[in-house]
């Protein structure tokens, strides 16, 4: 598939799927960070904020892709 063959539907669906995967990973890391046994070992990355932002963007991208899919 060449870049000229890509439609906005394909781009939005791929971006949404990738962001959904990042969101699931960040949520898993946040849960591990909250349930850690060594309380002195903190994470430098705010996984909760990353999970929230990527979830919102993934929902918007996937809903736009669904809109393009059903109106075509």
Protein backbone atom coordinates (compact mmCIF):
# COMPACT_ATOMS: atom_id res chain seq x y z
CA UNK A 1 0.00 0.00 0.00
CA UNK A 2 1.44 3.30 -1.10
CA UNK A 3 0.99 6.51 0.87
CA UNK A 4 -1.20 7.83 -1.96
CA UNK A 5 -3.63 4.95 -1.36
CA UNK A 6 -4.26 5.94 2.26
CA UNK A 7 -7.59 7.54 2.99
CA UNK A 8 -8.47 9.59 6.07
CA UNK A 9 -10.40 6.55 7.29
CA UNK A 10 -7.26 4.41 7.30
CA UNK A 11 -5.18 7.09 8.97
CA UNK A 12 -7.72 7.79 11.71
CA UNK A 13 -8.29 4.09 12.38
CA UNK A 14 -4.55 3.36 12.65
CA UNK A 15 -3.85 6.38 14.86
CA UNK A 16 -6.81 5.51 17.08
CA UNK A 17 -5.70 1.89 17.42
CA UNK A 18 -2.13 2.87 18.29
CA UNK A 19 -3.28 5.43 20.86
CA UNK A 20 -5.63 2.87 22.37
CA UNK A 21 -2.69 0.50 22.79
CA UNK A 22 -0.61 3.26 24.42
CA UNK A 23 -3.52 4.08 26.71
CA UNK A 24 -3.89 0.46 27.82
CA UNK A 25 -0.15 0.22 28.47
CA UNK A 26 -0.14 3.49 30.45
CA UNK A 27 -3.11 2.33 32.52
CA UNK A 28 -1.33 -0.92 33.31
CA UNK A 29 1.83 0.99 34.32
CA UNK A 30 -0.22 3.35 36.51
CA UNK A 31 -1.85 0.39 38.26
CA UNK A 32 1.57 -1.18 38.86
CA UNK A 33 2.87 2.14 40.18
CA UNK A 34 -0.03 2.44 42.64
CA UNK A 35 0.33 -1.13 43.89
CA UNK A 36 4.12 -1.15 44.30
CA UNK A 37 5.58 -2.72 47.42
CA UNK A 38 8.58 -0.40 47.73
CA UNK A 39 6.99 3.00 48.41
CA UNK A 40 10.32 4.80 48.01
CA UNK A 41 10.59 3.70 44.39
CA UNK A 42 8.43 6.18 42.52
CA UNK A 43 7.95 6.56 38.79
CA UNK A 44 9.20 9.70 37.05
CA UNK A 45 6.46 9.45 34.44
CA UNK A 46 2.89 10.46 35.21
CA UNK A 47 1.18 7.40 33.72
CA UNK A 48 -2.32 8.47 34.76
CA UNK A 49 -2.14 11.67 32.71
CA UNK A 50 -0.72 9.84 29.70
CA UNK A 51 -3.52 7.25 29.92
CA UNK A 52 -6.19 9.94 30.16
CA UNK A 53 -4.92 12.07 27.27
CA UNK A 54 -4.31 9.14 24.92
CA UNK A 55 -7.74 7.69 25.76
CA UNK A 56 -9.46 10.93 24.86
CA UNK A 57 -7.55 11.31 21.58
CA UNK A 58 -8.14 7.63 20.71
CA UNK A 59 -11.88 8.01 21.28
CA UNK A 60 -12.00 11.07 19.03
CA UNK A 61 -9.94 9.42 16.28
CA UNK A 62 -11.92 6.17 16.36
CA UNK A 63 -15.26 7.98 16.39
CA UNK A 64 -14.18 10.08 13.39
CA UNK A 65 -13.10 6.89 11.61
CA UNK A 66 -16.47 5.29 12.41
CA UNK A 67 -18.24 8.37 11.07
CA UNK A 68 -16.29 8.12 7.82
CA UNK A 69 -16.97 4.38 7.61
CA UNK A 70 -20.74 4.68 8.03
CA UNK A 71 -21.21 7.73 5.79
CA UNK A 72 -19.28 6.25 2.86
